[in-house]
Amino acid sequence: MVSLRNAQGKPLQERVFPLKGAAKSVELNWGPLEPGTYTLAVYLDQNRNNKLDKGLVGQPLEPYAFSNNARAPFSSPNLEEQRFAHPGKLPVLLLR
């Protein structure tokens, strides 16, 4: 599951992108994007229940990531660390 978000972290689009085999990267074709600043949140739905499973205290039980490999020990990372500029010319984002 990939969530494309605006610079303030508000979801703009959320999509499931199936991985094929042992893919190490995937191209995400969102269609044309406006030039601007965005963030991404991604999780691997290992049990295919269409949600990020969490433990008793809210910790993620499935792999997840944020754009720019932003990390925080006990919560979502700071939005400033997640933001990236998109020129608006390319319809594809590459996840690795």
Protein backbone atom coordinates (compact mmCIF):
# COMPACT_ATOMS: atom_id res chain seq x y z
CA MET A 1 0.00 0.00 0.00
CA VAL A 2 1.35 3.39 -0.98
CA SER A 3 -0.08 6.69 0.22
CA LEU A 4 0.83 9.80 -1.78
CA ARG A 5 0.44 12.83 0.49
CA ASN A 6 0.76 16.57 0.19
CA ALA A 7 3.50 18.54 1.98
CA GLN A 8 1.33 18.71 5.12
CA GLY A 9 0.90 14.91 5.19
CA LYS A 10 -2.72 14.84 4.02
CA PRO A 11 -3.39 11.76 1.82
CA LEU A 12 -4.07 12.63 -1.82
CA GLN A 13 -4.18 9.10 -3.25
CA GLU A 14 -3.77 5.65 -1.77
CA ARG A 15 -3.14 2.62 -3.92
CA VAL A 16 -2.19 -0.99 -3.71
CA PHE A 17 0.76 -1.88 -5.91
CA PRO A 18 1.31 -5.64 -6.04
CA LEU A 19 4.93 -6.76 -5.96
CA LYS A 20 5.92 -9.43 -8.41
CA GLY A 21 8.35 -12.08 -7.22
CA ALA A 22 11.38 -10.76 -5.36
CA ALA A 23 11.24 -7.27 -6.88
CA LYS A 24 13.70 -4.82 -5.33
CA SER A 25 12.03 -1.78 -6.88
CA VAL A 26 8.69 -0.86 -8.38
CA GLU A 27 7.53 1.97 -10.64
CA LEU A 28 4.41 3.71 -9.36
CA ASN A 29 2.41 5.28 -12.15
CA TRP A 30 0.11 7.86 -10.57
CA GLY A 31 -0.59 9.66 -13.81
CA PRO A 32 0.57 13.25 -14.23
CA LEU A 33 1.34 15.02 -10.96
CA GLU A 34 1.33 18.76 -10.48
CA PRO A 35 4.71 20.28 -9.65
CA GLY A 36 5.02 20.53 -5.91
CA THR A 37 6.16 19.05 -2.64
CA TYR A 38 4.92 15.63 -1.58
CA THR A 39 5.49 12.86 0.96
CA LEU A 40 4.99 9.09 0.68
CA ALA A 41 4.08 6.48 3.25
CA VAL A 42 4.41 2.81 2.34
CA TYR A 43 3.68 -0.46 4.09
CA LEU A 44 3.93 -4.08 3.05
CA ASP A 45 0.62 -5.81 3.75
CA GLN A 46 2.09 -9.22 4.45
CA ASN A 47 -1.20 -10.87 5.38
CA ARG A 48 -3.22 -9.05 2.68
CA ASN A 49 -5.89 -7.66 5.01
CA ASN A 50 -5.64 -4.13 3.51
CA LYS A 51 -4.42 -2.47 6.69
CA LEU A 52 -1.20 -1.88 8.62
CA ASP A 53 -1.40 -4.30 11.54
CA LYS A 54 -0.33 -2.86 14.88
CA GLY A 55 0.61 -4.34 18.26
CA LEU A 56 -0.87 -3.66 21.67
CA VAL A 57 0.82 -0.28 22.07
CA GLY A 58 0.37 0.79 18.44
CA GLN A 59 3.72 -0.31 17.04
CA PRO A 60 3.59 -1.49 13.40
CA LEU A 61 3.81 -5.26 12.97
CA GLU A 62 4.41 -5.10 9.20
CA PRO A 63 7.26 -3.43 7.31
CA TYR A 64 6.70 0.29 6.61
CA ALA A 65 8.66 3.27 5.33
CA PHE A 66 8.38 6.99 4.66
CA SER A 67 9.84 9.05 1.83
CA ASN A 68 13.52 9.98 2.16
CA ASN A 69 13.85 6.99 4.51
CA ALA A 70 12.73 9.29 7.34
CA ARG A 71 12.62 7.58 10.74
CA ALA A 72 11.45 8.37 14.26
CA PRO A 73 11.72 5.99 17.21
CA PHE A 74 8.15 6.13 18.58
CA SER A 75 5.97 7.93 16.02
CA SER A 76 5.75 9.02 12.41
CA PRO A 77 8.82 11.05 11.43
CA ASN A 78 8.78 14.80 11.09
CA LEU A 79 7.11 15.94 7.84
CA GLU A 80 10.12 18.14 7.04
CA GLU A 81 12.25 14.99 6.81
CA GLN A 82 9.74 13.26 4.52
CA ARG A 83 9.14 16.01 1.95
CA PHE A 84 10.46 15.81 -1.60
CA ALA A 85 10.02 18.11 -4.59
CA HIS A 86 8.41 16.71 -7.73
CA PRO A 87 8.92 18.64 -10.98
CA GLY A 88 5.53 17.64 -12.34
CA LYS A 89 6.95 16.30 -15.59
CA LEU A 90 7.29 12.64 -14.73
CA PRO A 91 4.19 10.49 -14.14
CA VAL A 92 6.21 7.76 -12.41
CA LEU A 93 7.78 7.54 -8.96
CA LEU A 94 10.35 4.82 -8.33
CA LEU A 95 10.37 3.00 -4.99
CA ARG A 96 13.50 1.11 -3.98
